[in-house]
C-alpha cells in the first residue's frame, strides 16, 4: 500500500501542490486546536536544512508493525481512494 500511495503522491503536479498550499493558508486549516495552522508548520519545515531520519527499524520490527496494522489497511485504502478519486 505504501508504494501505491507514494506513487500517487509523486504523480501530483507541482502546481497542484502549490494550489493546495495556498488553499490551506487561506482557510487556516489546522489538524485540531492543539496544532498550529498547517501552512505554518510546512513553512517551518521548509525553512530548515534536511536532516537524516533518526528512526531505524529492523526487518522483524517492520513485519510486526505491518502485521499489527494489516486489519486497518482495507478501510484506509478505501478512504484514500474515495478522497483522491472524488477530490479532483
C-alpha atoms as a PDB file:
ATOM      1  CA  UNK A   1       0.000   0.000   0.000  1.00  0.00           C
ATOM      2  CA  UNK A   2       2.807   2.407   0.834  1.00  0.00           C
ATOM      3  CA  UNK A   3       4.154   2.082  -2.679  1.00  0.00           C
ATOM      4  CA  UNK A   4       0.755   2.886  -4.192  1.00  0.00           C
ATOM      5  CA  UNK A   5       0.341   5.976  -2.009  1.00  0.00           C
ATOM      6  CA  UNK A   6       3.925   7.057  -2.730  1.00  0.00           C
ATOM      7  CA  UNK A   7       3.350   6.720  -6.488  1.00  0.00           C
ATOM      8  CA  UNK A   8       0.132   8.730  -6.328  1.00  0.00           C
ATOM      9  CA  UNK A   9       1.705  11.476  -4.233  1.00  0.00           C
ATOM     10  CA  UNK A  10       4.685  11.725  -6.602  1.00  0.00           C
ATOM     11  CA  UNK A  11       2.298  11.896  -9.565  1.00  0.00           C
ATOM     12  CA  UNK A  12       0.666  15.095  -8.273  1.00  0.00           C
ATOM     13  CA  UNK A  13       1.997  18.038 -10.299  1.00  0.00           C
ATOM     14  CA  UNK A  14       3.975  20.776  -8.519  1.00  0.00           C
ATOM     15  CA  UNK A  15       1.369  23.378  -9.490  1.00  0.00           C
ATOM     16  CA  UNK A  16      -1.335  21.340  -7.752  1.00  0.00           C
ATOM     17  CA  UNK A  17       0.784  21.125  -4.572  1.00  0.00           C
ATOM     18  CA  UNK A  18       1.218  24.902  -4.688  1.00  0.00           C
ATOM     19  CA  UNK A  19      -2.531  25.396  -5.170  1.00  0.00           C
ATOM     20  CA  UNK A  20      -3.241  23.137  -2.179  1.00  0.00           C
ATOM     21  CA  UNK A  21      -0.743  25.111  -0.065  1.00  0.00           C
ATOM     22  CA  UNK A  22      -2.444  28.393  -0.988  1.00  0.00           C
ATOM     23  CA  UNK A  23      -5.893  26.990  -0.180  1.00  0.00           C
ATOM     24  CA  UNK A  24      -4.638  25.643   3.149  1.00  0.00           C
ATOM     25  CA  UNK A  25      -3.086  29.015   4.027  1.00  0.00           C
ATOM     26  CA  UNK A  26      -6.244  30.930   3.064  1.00  0.00           C
ATOM     27  CA  UNK A  27      -8.508  28.614   5.043  1.00  0.00           C
ATOM     28  CA  UNK A  28      -6.163  28.472   8.045  1.00  0.00           C
ATOM     29  CA  UNK A  29      -6.509  24.677   8.192  1.00  0.00           C
ATOM     30  CA  UNK A  30      -5.427  23.052  11.457  1.00  0.00           C
ATOM     31  CA  UNK A  31      -5.310  19.376  12.437  1.00  0.00           C
ATOM     32  CA  UNK A  32      -7.012  20.373  15.691  1.00  0.00           C
ATOM     33  CA  UNK A  33      -6.891  23.198  18.223  1.00  0.00           C
ATOM     34  CA  UNK A  34      -3.674  21.875  19.788  1.00  0.00           C
ATOM     35  CA  UNK A  35      -1.753  22.291  16.500  1.00  0.00           C
ATOM     36  CA  UNK A  36      -0.688  25.468  14.700  1.00  0.00           C
ATOM     37  CA  UNK A  37      -2.136  26.080  11.234  1.00  0.00           C
ATOM     38  CA  UNK A  38      -0.806  23.502   8.776  1.00  0.00           C
ATOM     39  CA  UNK A  39       0.686  26.149   6.470  1.00  0.00           C
ATOM     40  CA  UNK A  40       2.839  27.486   9.319  1.00  0.00           C
ATOM     41  CA  UNK A  41       4.152  24.003  10.056  1.00  0.00           C
ATOM     42  CA  UNK A  42       5.014  23.498   6.401  1.00  0.00           C
ATOM     43  CA  UNK A  43       6.773  26.860   6.314  1.00  0.00           C
ATOM     44  CA  UNK A  44       8.832  25.899   9.372  1.00  0.00           C
ATOM     45  CA  UNK A  45       9.869  22.574   7.852  1.00  0.00           C
ATOM     46  CA  UNK A  46      10.733  24.230   4.527  1.00  0.00           C
ATOM     47  CA  UNK A  47      12.904  26.824   6.289  1.00  0.00           C
ATOM     48  CA  UNK A  48      15.244  24.213   7.772  1.00  0.00           C
ATOM     49  CA  UNK A  49      18.005  22.162   6.231  1.00  0.00           C
ATOM     50  CA  UNK A  50      17.133  18.493   5.692  1.00  0.00           C
ATOM     51  CA  UNK A  51      18.420  16.045   8.292  1.00  0.00           C
ATOM     52  CA  UNK A  52      18.792  12.303   8.257  1.00  0.00           C
ATOM     53  CA  UNK A  53      15.957  10.355   9.819  1.00  0.00           C
ATOM     54  CA  UNK A  54      16.604   9.042  13.322  1.00  0.00           C
ATOM     55  CA  UNK A  55      14.270   6.050  13.249  1.00  0.00           C
ATOM     56  CA  UNK A  56      15.675   2.731  12.089  1.00  0.00           C
ATOM     57  CA  UNK A  57      13.575  -0.420  12.045  1.00  0.00           C
ATOM     58  CA  UNK A  58      14.807  -3.940  11.839  1.00  0.00           C
ATOM     59  CA  UNK A  59      13.138  -6.176   9.271  1.00  0.00           C
ATOM     60  CA  UNK A  60      11.442  -8.042  12.129  1.00  0.00           C
ATOM     61  CA  UNK A  61      10.040  -4.812  13.584  1.00  0.00           C
ATOM     62  CA  UNK A  62       8.720  -3.759  10.188  1.00  0.00           C
ATOM     63  CA  UNK A  63       6.978  -7.116   9.741  1.00  0.00           C
ATOM     64  CA  UNK A  64       5.483  -6.852  13.244  1.00  0.00           C
ATOM     65  CA  UNK A  65       4.179  -3.325  12.577  1.00  0.00           C
ATOM     66  CA  UNK A  66       2.767  -4.321   9.176  1.00  0.00           C
ATOM     67  CA  UNK A  67       1.017  -7.296  10.799  1.00  0.00           C
ATOM     68  CA  UNK A  68      -0.414  -5.056  13.539  1.00  0.00           C
ATOM     69  CA  UNK A  69      -1.759  -2.544  11.017  1.00  0.00           C
ATOM     70  CA  UNK A  70      -2.979  -5.121   8.470  1.00  0.00           C
ATOM     71  CA  UNK A  71      -6.586  -5.238   9.780  1.00  0.00           C
ATOM     72  CA  UNK A  72      -6.925  -1.495   9.120  1.00  0.00           C
ATOM     73  CA  UNK A  73      -5.429  -1.441   5.610  1.00  0.00           C
ATOM     74  CA  UNK A  74      -8.606  -2.252   3.602  1.00  0.00           C
ATOM     75  CA  UNK A  75     -10.670   0.534   5.170  1.00  0.00           C
ATOM     76  CA  UNK A  76      -7.809   3.021   4.878  1.00  0.00           C
ATOM     77  CA  UNK A  77      -7.250   2.108   1.238  1.00  0.00           C
ATOM     78  CA  UNK A  78     -10.948   2.642   0.558  1.00  0.00           C
ATOM     79  CA  UNK A  79     -10.940   6.028   2.297  1.00  0.00           C
ATOM     80  CA  UNK A  80      -7.804   7.161   0.462  1.00  0.00           C
ATOM     81  CA  UNK A  81      -9.233   6.012  -2.850  1.00  0.00           C
ATOM     82  CA  UNK A  82     -12.501   7.887  -2.258  1.00  0.00           C
ATOM     83  CA  UNK A  83     -10.751  11.055  -1.107  1.00  0.00           C
ATOM     84  CA  UNK A  84      -8.312  11.150  -4.010  1.00  0.00           C
ATOM     85  CA  UNK A  85     -10.727   9.971  -6.666  1.00  0.00           C
ATOM     86  CA  UNK A  86     -13.540  12.362  -5.898  1.00  0.00           C
ATOM     87  CA  UNK A  87     -11.435  15.305  -4.712  1.00  0.00           C
ATOM     88  CA  UNK A  88     -10.125  16.083  -8.208  1.00  0.00           C
END
